[in-house]
Amino acid sequence: MLRIAWMADVAGRDKRNRALGRAGEARILAHERSTLRSAERADLAGKARWTPKEDCDGAGFDIARSAHDGRLRLIEIKTMNG
């Protein structure tokens, strides 16, 4: 079993997956802020939050932001390559 785990490099794969996930979340946060600025809502763009980084991981969503009309949008992001 140890040989299989060594060959699969489970820790390395997990590290790469986490880095890819963070990159995806950062990209979507930038997009959401840009969308709000384009709609002339820079006030809301500044309030968009990257929840796992700024608050806590495990909230059930990755980005929290207000929509143009003030409603709260909670966005869960899944990033993969392939």
PDB file of N, CA and C in Angstrom:
ATOM      1  N   MET A   1       0.833  -1.196   0.000  1.00  0.00           N
ATOM      2  CA  MET A   1       0.000   0.000   0.000  1.00  0.00           C
ATOM      3  C   MET A   1       0.880   1.265   0.000  1.00  0.00           C
ATOM      4  N   LEU A   2       1.962   1.233   0.779  1.00  0.00           N
ATOM      5  CA  LEU A   2       2.846   2.402   0.809  1.00  0.00           C
ATOM      6  C   LEU A   2       3.451   2.667  -0.565  1.00  0.00           C
ATOM      7  N   ARG A   3       3.765   1.599  -1.288  1.00  0.00           N
ATOM      8  CA  ARG A   3       4.339   1.774  -2.619  1.00  0.00           C
ATOM      9  C   ARG A   3       3.335   2.462  -3.550  1.00  0.00           C
ATOM     10  N   ILE A   4       2.078   2.083  -3.470  1.00  0.00           N
ATOM     11  CA  ILE A   4       1.043   2.704  -4.304  1.00  0.00           C
ATOM     12  C   ILE A   4       0.903   4.177  -3.953  1.00  0.00           C
ATOM     13  N   ALA A   5       0.867   4.494  -2.666  1.00  0.00           N
ATOM     14  CA  ALA A   5       0.763   5.897  -2.241  1.00  0.00           C
ATOM     15  C   ALA A   5       1.976   6.689  -2.691  1.00  0.00           C
ATOM     16  N   TRP A   6       3.167   6.091  -2.606  1.00  0.00           N
ATOM     17  CA  TRP A   6       4.378   6.780  -3.046  1.00  0.00           C
ATOM     18  C   TRP A   6       4.325   7.042  -4.542  1.00  0.00           C
ATOM     19  N   MET A   7       3.869   6.058  -5.302  1.00  0.00           N
ATOM     20  CA  MET A   7       3.805   6.199  -6.756  1.00  0.00           C
ATOM     21  C   MET A   7       2.765   7.241  -7.164  1.00  0.00           C
ATOM     22  N   ALA A   8       1.687   7.332  -6.427  1.00  0.00           N
ATOM     23  CA  ALA A   8       0.607   8.260  -6.776  1.00  0.00           C
ATOM     24  C   ALA A   8       0.904   9.686  -6.325  1.00  0.00           C
ATOM     25  N   ASP A   9       1.837   9.864  -5.399  1.00  0.00           N
ATOM     26  CA  ASP A   9       2.168  11.184  -4.849  1.00  0.00           C
ATOM     27  C   ASP A   9       0.908  11.926  -4.416  1.00  0.00           C
ATOM     28  N   VAL A  10       0.192  11.324  -3.497  1.00  0.00           N
ATOM     29  CA  VAL A  10      -1.073  11.870  -3.012  1.00  0.00           C
ATOM     30  C   VAL A  10      -0.891  13.272  -2.449  1.00  0.00           C
ATOM     31  N   ALA A  11       0.152  13.475  -1.670  1.00  0.00           N
ATOM     32  CA  ALA A  11       0.388  14.800  -1.068  1.00  0.00           C
ATOM     33  C   ALA A  11       0.666  15.846  -2.148  1.00  0.00           C
ATOM     34  N   GLY A  12       1.449  15.485  -3.141  1.00  0.00           N
ATOM     35  CA  GLY A  12       1.747  16.419  -4.222  1.00  0.00           C
ATOM     36  C   GLY A  12       0.506  16.774  -5.018  1.00  0.00           C
ATOM     37  N   ARG A  13      -0.318  15.763  -5.295  1.00  0.00           N
ATOM     38  CA  ARG A  13      -1.567  16.003  -6.023  1.00  0.00           C
ATOM     39  C   ARG A  13      -2.488  16.916  -5.225  1.00  0.00           C
ATOM     40  N   ASP A  14      -2.587  16.683  -3.921  1.00  0.00           N
ATOM     41  CA  ASP A  14      -3.430  17.521  -3.065  1.00  0.00           C
ATOM     42  C   ASP A  14      -2.930  18.964  -3.063  1.00  0.00           C
ATOM     43  N   LYS A  15      -1.625  19.150  -2.983  1.00  0.00           N
ATOM     44  CA  LYS A  15      -1.048  20.492  -2.999  1.00  0.00           C
ATOM     45  C   LYS A  15      -1.360  21.210  -4.315  1.00  0.00           C
ATOM     46  N   ARG A  16      -1.228  20.510  -5.434  1.00  0.00           N
ATOM     47  CA  ARG A  16      -1.538  21.104  -6.745  1.00  0.00           C
ATOM     48  C   ARG A  16      -3.019  21.429  -6.871  1.00  0.00           C
ATOM     49  N   ASN A  17      -3.874  20.543  -6.383  1.00  0.00           N
ATOM     50  CA  ASN A  17      -5.317  20.789  -6.443  1.00  0.00           C
ATOM     51  C   ASN A  17      -5.723  22.002  -5.604  1.00  0.00           C
ATOM     52  N   ARG A  18      -5.120  22.135  -4.430  1.00  0.00           N
ATOM     53  CA  ARG A  18      -5.436  23.295  -3.584  1.00  0.00           C
ATOM     54  C   ARG A  18      -4.977  24.596  -4.235  1.00  0.00           C
ATOM     55  N   ALA A  19      -3.803  24.576  -4.830  1.00  0.00           N
ATOM     56  CA  ALA A  19      -3.300  25.767  -5.526  1.00  0.00           C
ATOM     57  C   ALA A  19      -4.199  26.125  -6.706  1.00  0.00           C
ATOM     58  N   LEU A  20      -4.641  25.114  -7.447  1.00  0.00           N
ATOM     59  CA  LEU A  20      -5.552  25.359  -8.568  1.00  0.00           C
ATOM     60  C   LEU A  20      -6.878  25.919  -8.073  1.00  0.00           C
ATOM     61  N   GLY A  21      -7.394  25.388  -6.980  1.00  0.00           N
ATOM     62  CA  GLY A  21      -8.642  25.888  -6.403  1.00  0.00           C
ATOM     63  C   GLY A  21      -8.533  27.340  -5.967  1.00  0.00           C
ATOM     64  N   ARG A  22      -7.430  27.687  -5.319  1.00  0.00           N
ATOM     65  CA  ARG A  22      -7.222  29.081  -4.896  1.00  0.00           C
ATOM     66  C   ARG A  22      -7.127  30.007  -6.104  1.00  0.00           C
ATOM     67  N   ALA A  23      -6.440  29.547  -7.154  1.00  0.00           N
ATOM     68  CA  ALA A  23      -6.309  30.360  -8.367  1.00  0.00           C
ATOM     69  C   ALA A  23      -7.680  30.585  -9.006  1.00  0.00           C
ATOM     70  N   GLY A  24      -8.509  29.561  -9.030  1.00  0.00           N
ATOM     71  CA  GLY A  24      -9.858  29.699  -9.584  1.00  0.00           C
ATOM     72  C   GLY A  24     -10.706  30.667  -8.777  1.00  0.00           C
ATOM     73  N   GLU A  25     -10.624  30.574  -7.469  1.00  0.00           N
ATOM     74  CA  GLU A  25     -11.376  31.482  -6.605  1.00  0.00           C
ATOM     75  C   GLU A  25     -10.916  32.920  -6.787  1.00  0.00           C
ATOM     76  N   ALA A  26      -9.613  33.130  -6.869  1.00  0.00           N
ATOM     77  CA  ALA A  26      -9.071  34.481  -7.070  1.00  0.00           C
ATOM     78  C   ALA A  26      -9.545  35.046  -8.401  1.00  0.00           C
ATOM     79  N   ARG A  27      -9.576  34.206  -9.429  1.00  0.00           N
ATOM     80  CA  ARG A  27     -10.010  34.656 -10.761  1.00  0.00           C
ATOM     81  C   ARG A  27     -11.481  35.059 -10.756  1.00  0.00           C
ATOM     82  N   ILE A  28     -12.314  34.278 -10.115  1.00  0.00           N
ATOM     83  CA  ILE A  28     -13.748  34.593 -10.069  1.00  0.00           C
ATOM     84  C   ILE A  28     -13.991  35.832  -9.218  1.00  0.00           C
ATOM     85  N   LEU A  29     -13.267  35.986  -8.126  1.00  0.00           N
ATOM     86  CA  LEU A  29     -13.408  37.194  -7.312  1.00  0.00           C
ATOM     87  C   LEU A  29     -13.063  38.428  -8.139  1.00  0.00           C
ATOM     88  N   ALA A  30     -11.977  38.372  -8.891  1.00  0.00           N
ATOM     89  CA  ALA A  30     -11.587  39.496  -9.755  1.00  0.00           C
ATOM     90  C   ALA A  30     -12.668  39.770 -10.792  1.00  0.00           C
ATOM     91  N   HIS A  31     -13.245  38.716 -11.360  1.00  0.00           N
ATOM     92  CA  HIS A  31     -14.316  38.876 -12.348  1.00  0.00           C
ATOM     93  C   HIS A  31     -15.554  39.532 -11.730  1.00  0.00           C
ATOM     94  N   GLU A  32     -15.947  39.062 -10.565  1.00  0.00           N
ATOM     95  CA  GLU A  32     -17.126  39.619  -9.895  1.00  0.00           C
ATOM     96  C   GLU A  32     -16.921  41.097  -9.560  1.00  0.00           C
ATOM     97  N   ARG A  33     -15.743  41.440  -9.064  1.00  0.00           N
ATOM     98  CA  ARG A  33     -15.450  42.846  -8.756  1.00  0.00           C
ATOM     99  C   ARG A  33     -15.452  43.685 -10.027  1.00  0.00           C
ATOM    100  N   SER A  34     -14.896  43.161 -11.103  1.00  0.00           N
ATOM    101  CA  SER A  34     -14.872  43.868 -12.380  1.00  0.00           C
ATOM    102  C   SER A  34     -16.288  44.082 -12.903  1.00  0.00           C
ATOM    103  N   THR A  35     -17.129  43.072 -12.765  1.00  0.00           N
ATOM    104  CA  THR A  35     -18.523  43.183 -13.201  1.00  0.00           C
ATOM    105  C   THR A  35     -19.238  44.297 -12.447  1.00  0.00           C
ATOM    106  N   LEU A  36     -19.019  44.375 -11.157  1.00  0.00           N
ATOM    107  CA  LEU A  36     -19.666  45.421 -10.357  1.00  0.00           C
ATOM    108  C   LEU A  36     -19.130  46.806 -10.726  1.00  0.00           C
ATOM    109  N   ARG A  37     -17.820  46.908 -10.948  1.00  0.00           N
ATOM    110  CA  ARG A  37     -17.261  48.203 -11.355  1.00  0.00           C
ATOM    111  C   ARG A  37     -17.813  48.640 -12.710  1.00  0.00           C
ATOM    112  N   SER A  38     -17.982  47.686 -13.631  1.00  0.00           N
ATOM    113  CA  SER A  38     -18.535  47.990 -14.947  1.00  0.00           C
ATOM    114  C   SER A  38     -19.972  48.481 -14.849  1.00  0.00           C
ATOM    115  N   ALA A  39     -20.668  48.018 -13.839  1.00  0.00           N
ATOM    116  CA  ALA A  39     -22.046  48.443 -13.606  1.00  0.00           C
ATOM    117  C   ALA A  39     -22.095  49.712 -12.744  1.00  0.00           C
ATOM    118  N   GLU A  40     -20.940  50.335 -12.593  1.00  0.00           N
ATOM    119  CA  GLU A  40     -20.803  51.557 -11.795  1.00  0.00           C
ATOM    120  C   GLU A  40     -21.236  51.344 -10.348  1.00  0.00           C
ATOM    121  N   ARG A  41     -20.845  50.183  -9.814  1.00  0.00           N
ATOM    122  CA  ARG A  41     -21.112  49.874  -8.409  1.00  0.00           C
ATOM    123  C   ARG A  41     -19.808  49.545  -7.704  1.00  0.00           C
ATOM    124  N   ALA A  42     -18.850  50.464  -7.791  1.00  0.00           N
ATOM    125  CA  ALA A  42     -17.554  50.281  -7.134  1.00  0.00           C
ATOM    126  C   ALA A  42     -17.725  50.127  -5.625  1.00  0.00           C
ATOM    127  N   ASP A  43     -18.784  50.723  -5.084  1.00  0.00           N
ATOM    128  CA  ASP A  43     -19.051  50.586  -3.654  1.00  0.00           C
ATOM    129  C   ASP A  43     -19.290  49.122  -3.276  1.00  0.00           C
ATOM    130  N   LEU A  44     -19.991  48.392  -4.131  1.00  0.00           N
ATOM    131  CA  LEU A  44     -20.245  46.975  -3.873  1.00  0.00           C
ATOM    132  C   LEU A  44     -19.033  46.119  -4.211  1.00  0.00           C
ATOM    133  N   ALA A  45     -18.272  46.529  -5.219  1.00  0.00           N
ATOM    134  CA  ALA A  45     -17.077  45.767  -5.619  1.00  0.00           C
ATOM    135  C   ALA A  45     -16.095  45.673  -4.462  1.00  0.00           C
ATOM    136  N   GLY A  46     -15.959  46.732  -3.715  1.00  0.00           N
ATOM    137  CA  GLY A  46     -15.041  46.739  -2.582  1.00  0.00           C
ATOM    138  C   GLY A  46     -15.493  45.879  -1.423  1.00  0.00           C
ATOM    139  N   LYS A  47     -16.770  45.516  -1.414  1.00  0.00           N
ATOM    140  CA  LYS A  47     -17.307  44.705  -0.321  1.00  0.00           C
ATOM    141  C   LYS A  47     -17.354  43.218  -0.639  1.00  0.00           C
ATOM    142  N   ALA A  48     -17.022  42.837  -1.875  1.00  0.00           N
ATOM    143  CA  ALA A  48     -17.013  41.416  -2.238  1.00  0.00           C
ATOM    144  C   ALA A  48     -15.960  40.707  -1.388  1.00  0.00           C
ATOM    145  N   ARG A  49     -16.312  39.522  -0.870  1.00  0.00           N
ATOM    146  CA  ARG A  49     -15.426  38.822   0.063  1.00  0.00           C
ATOM    147  C   ARG A  49     -15.048  37.450  -0.451  1.00  0.00           C
ATOM    148  N   TRP A  50     -13.777  37.102  -0.274  1.00  0.00           N
ATOM    149  CA  TRP A  50     -13.253  35.761  -0.562  1.00  0.00           C
ATOM    150  C   TRP A  50     -13.337  35.029   0.760  1.00  0.00           C
ATOM    151  N   THR A  51     -14.422  34.350   1.001  1.00  0.00           N
ATOM    152  CA  THR A  51     -14.748  33.821   2.312  1.00  0.00           C
ATOM    153  C   THR A  51     -13.692  32.893   2.914  1.00  0.00           C
ATOM    154  N   PRO A  52     -13.182  31.881   2.194  1.00  0.00           N
ATOM    155  CA  PRO A  52     -12.183  31.003   2.831  1.00  0.00           C
ATOM    156  C   PRO A  52     -10.916  31.738   3.247  1.00  0.00           C
ATOM    157  N   LYS A  53     -10.560  32.785   2.533  1.00  0.00           N
ATOM    158  CA  LYS A  53      -9.327  33.521   2.835  1.00  0.00           C
ATOM    159  C   LYS A  53      -9.557  34.589   3.906  1.00  0.00           C
ATOM    160  N   GLU A  54     -10.706  35.261   3.852  1.00  0.00           N
ATOM    161  CA  GLU A  54     -10.942  36.398   4.732  1.00  0.00           C
ATOM    162  C   GLU A  54     -11.727  36.052   5.991  1.00  0.00           C
ATOM    163  N   ASP A  55     -12.590  35.055   5.913  1.00  0.00           N
ATOM    164  CA  ASP A  55     -13.435  34.721   7.065  1.00  0.00           C
ATOM    165  C   ASP A  55     -13.098  33.325   7.598  1.00  0.00           C
ATOM    166  N   CYS A  56     -13.688  32.314   6.971  1.00  0.00           N
ATOM    167  CA  CYS A  56     -13.434  30.941   7.406  1.00  0.00           C
ATOM    168  C   CYS A  56     -13.660  29.987   6.247  1.00  0.00           C
ATOM    169  N   ASP A  57     -12.918  28.909   6.252  1.00  0.00           N
ATOM    170  CA  ASP A  57     -13.123  27.866   5.257  1.00  0.00           C
ATOM    171  C   ASP A  57     -14.203  26.939   5.795  1.00  0.00           C
ATOM    172  N   GLY A  58     -15.115  26.522   4.960  1.00  0.00           N
ATOM    173  CA  GLY A  58     -16.188  25.645   5.403  1.00  0.00           C
ATOM    174  C   GLY A  58     -17.519  26.351   5.502  1.00  0.00           C
ATOM    175  N   ALA A  59     -17.618  27.564   4.970  1.00  0.00           N
ATOM    176  CA  ALA A  59     -18.873  28.302   5.019  1.00  0.00           C
ATOM    177  C   ALA A  59     -19.886  27.768   4.012  1.00  0.00           C
ATOM    178  N   GLY A  60     -19.416  26.968   3.040  1.00  0.00           N
ATOM    179  CA  GLY A  60     -20.324  26.432   2.037  1.00  0.00           C
ATOM    180  C   GLY A  60     -20.322  27.225   0.744  1.00  0.00           C
ATOM    181  N   PHE A  61     -19.551  28.290   0.704  1.00  0.00           N
ATOM    182  CA  PHE A  61     -19.424  29.102  -0.502  1.00  0.00           C
ATOM    183  C   PHE A  61     -18.070  29.786  -0.459  1.00  0.00           C
ATOM    184  N   ASP A  62     -17.627  30.272  -1.612  1.00  0.00           N
ATOM    185  CA  ASP A  62     -16.291  30.861  -1.703  1.00  0.00           C
ATOM    186  C   ASP A  62     -16.297  32.379  -1.846  1.00  0.00           C
ATOM    187  N   ILE A  63     -17.291  32.912  -2.532  1.00  0.00           N
ATOM    188  CA  ILE A  63     -17.381  34.355  -2.764  1.00  0.00           C
ATOM    189  C   ILE A  63     -18.736  34.839  -2.277  1.00  0.00           C
ATOM    190  N   ALA A  64     -18.743  35.920  -1.523  1.00  0.00           N
ATOM    191  CA  ALA A  64     -19.986  36.566  -1.095  1.00  0.00           C
ATOM    192  C   ALA A  64     -19.942  37.995  -1.611  1.00  0.00           C
ATOM    193  N   ARG A  65     -20.971  38.368  -2.355  1.00  0.00           N
ATOM    194  CA  ARG A  65     -21.020  39.735  -2.857  1.00  0.00           C
ATOM    195  C   ARG A  65     -22.466  40.160  -3.028  1.00  0.00           C
ATOM    196  N   SER A  66     -22.688  41.439  -3.082  1.00  0.00           N
ATOM    197  CA  SER A  66     -24.019  41.963  -3.333  1.00  0.00           C
ATOM    198  C   SER A  66     -24.227  42.092  -4.830  1.00  0.00           C
ATOM    199  N   ALA A  67     -25.411  41.755  -5.295  1.00  0.00           N
ATOM    200  CA  ALA A  67     -25.764  41.935  -6.701  1.00  0.00           C
ATOM    201  C   ALA A  67     -26.046  43.416  -6.944  1.00  0.00           C
ATOM    202  N   HIS A  68     -26.264  43.770  -8.212  1.00  0.00           N
ATOM    203  CA  HIS A  68     -26.524  45.171  -8.559  1.00  0.00           C
ATOM    204  C   HIS A  68     -27.706  45.737  -7.790  1.00  0.00           C
ATOM    205  N   ASP A  69     -28.696  44.887  -7.517  1.00  0.00           N
ATOM    206  CA  ASP A  69     -29.904  45.346  -6.827  1.00  0.00           C
ATOM    207  C   ASP A  69     -29.805  45.216  -5.308  1.00  0.00           C
ATOM    208  N   GLY A  70     -28.639  44.823  -4.817  1.00  0.00           N
ATOM    209  CA  GLY A  70     -28.422  44.748  -3.374  1.00  0.00           C
ATOM    210  C   GLY A  70     -28.640  43.374  -2.774  1.00  0.00           C
ATOM    211  N   ARG A  71     -29.174  42.421  -3.544  1.00  0.00           N
ATOM    212  CA  ARG A  71     -29.362  41.066  -3.008  1.00  0.00           C
ATOM    213  C   ARG A  71     -28.004  40.386  -2.832  1.00  0.00           C
ATOM    214  N   LEU A  72     -27.914  39.525  -1.850  1.00  0.00           N
ATOM    215  CA  LEU A  72     -26.666  38.818  -1.570  1.00  0.00           C
ATOM    216  C   LEU A  72     -26.503  37.647  -2.527  1.00  0.00           C
ATOM    217  N   ARG A  73     -25.317  37.521  -3.126  1.00  0.00           N
ATOM    218  CA  ARG A  73     -24.970  36.384  -3.985  1.00  0.00           C
ATOM    219  C   ARG A  73     -23.880  35.590  -3.294  1.00  0.00           C
ATOM    220  N   LEU A  74     -24.112  34.300  -3.119  1.00  0.00           N
ATOM    221  CA  LEU A  74     -23.124  33.391  -2.548  1.00  0.00           C
ATOM    222  C   LEU A  74     -22.689  32.449  -3.660  1.00  0.00           C
ATOM    223  N   ILE A  75     -21.393  32.404  -3.947  1.00  0.00           N
ATOM    224  CA  ILE A  75     -20.885  31.658  -5.093  1.00  0.00           C
ATOM    225  C   ILE A  75     -19.916  30.586  -4.630  1.00  0.00           C
ATOM    226  N   GLU A  76     -20.200  29.346  -4.996  1.00  0.00           N
ATOM    227  CA  GLU A  76     -19.308  28.219  -4.733  1.00  0.00           C
ATOM    228  C   GLU A  76     -18.542  27.941  -6.014  1.00  0.00           C
ATOM    229  N   ILE A  77     -17.233  27.843  -5.936  1.00  0.00           N
ATOM    230  CA  ILE A  77     -16.394  27.699  -7.120  1.00  0.00           C
ATOM    231  C   ILE A  77     -15.719  26.337  -7.108  1.00  0.00           C
ATOM    232  N   LYS A  78     -15.777  25.658  -8.243  1.00  0.00           N
ATOM    233  CA  LYS A  78     -15.073  24.402  -8.442  1.00  0.00           C
ATOM    234  C   LYS A  78     -14.134  24.602  -9.619  1.00  0.00           C
ATOM    235  N   THR A  79     -12.861  24.367  -9.410  1.00  0.00           N
ATOM    236  CA  THR A  79     -11.854  24.570 -10.457  1.00  0.00           C
ATOM    237  C   THR A  79     -11.168  23.245 -10.735  1.00  0.00           C
ATOM    238  N   MET A  80     -11.003  22.937 -12.017  1.00  0.00           N
ATOM    239  CA  MET A  80     -10.281  21.729 -12.388  1.00  0.00           C
ATOM    240  C   MET A  80      -9.580  21.952 -13.709  1.00  0.00           C
ATOM    241  N   ASN A  81      -8.622  21.119 -13.985  1.00  0.00           N
ATOM    242  CA  ASN A  81      -7.993  21.171 -15.295  1.00  0.00           C
ATOM    243  C   ASN A  81      -8.186  19.817 -15.950  1.00  0.00           C
ATOM    244  N   GLY A  82      -8.067  19.801 -17.226  1.00  0.00           N
ATOM    245  CA  GLY A  82      -8.242  18.523 -17.910  1.00  0.00           C
ATOM    246  C   GLY A  82      -8.920  18.714 -19.239  1.00  0.00           C
TER     247      GLY A  82
END
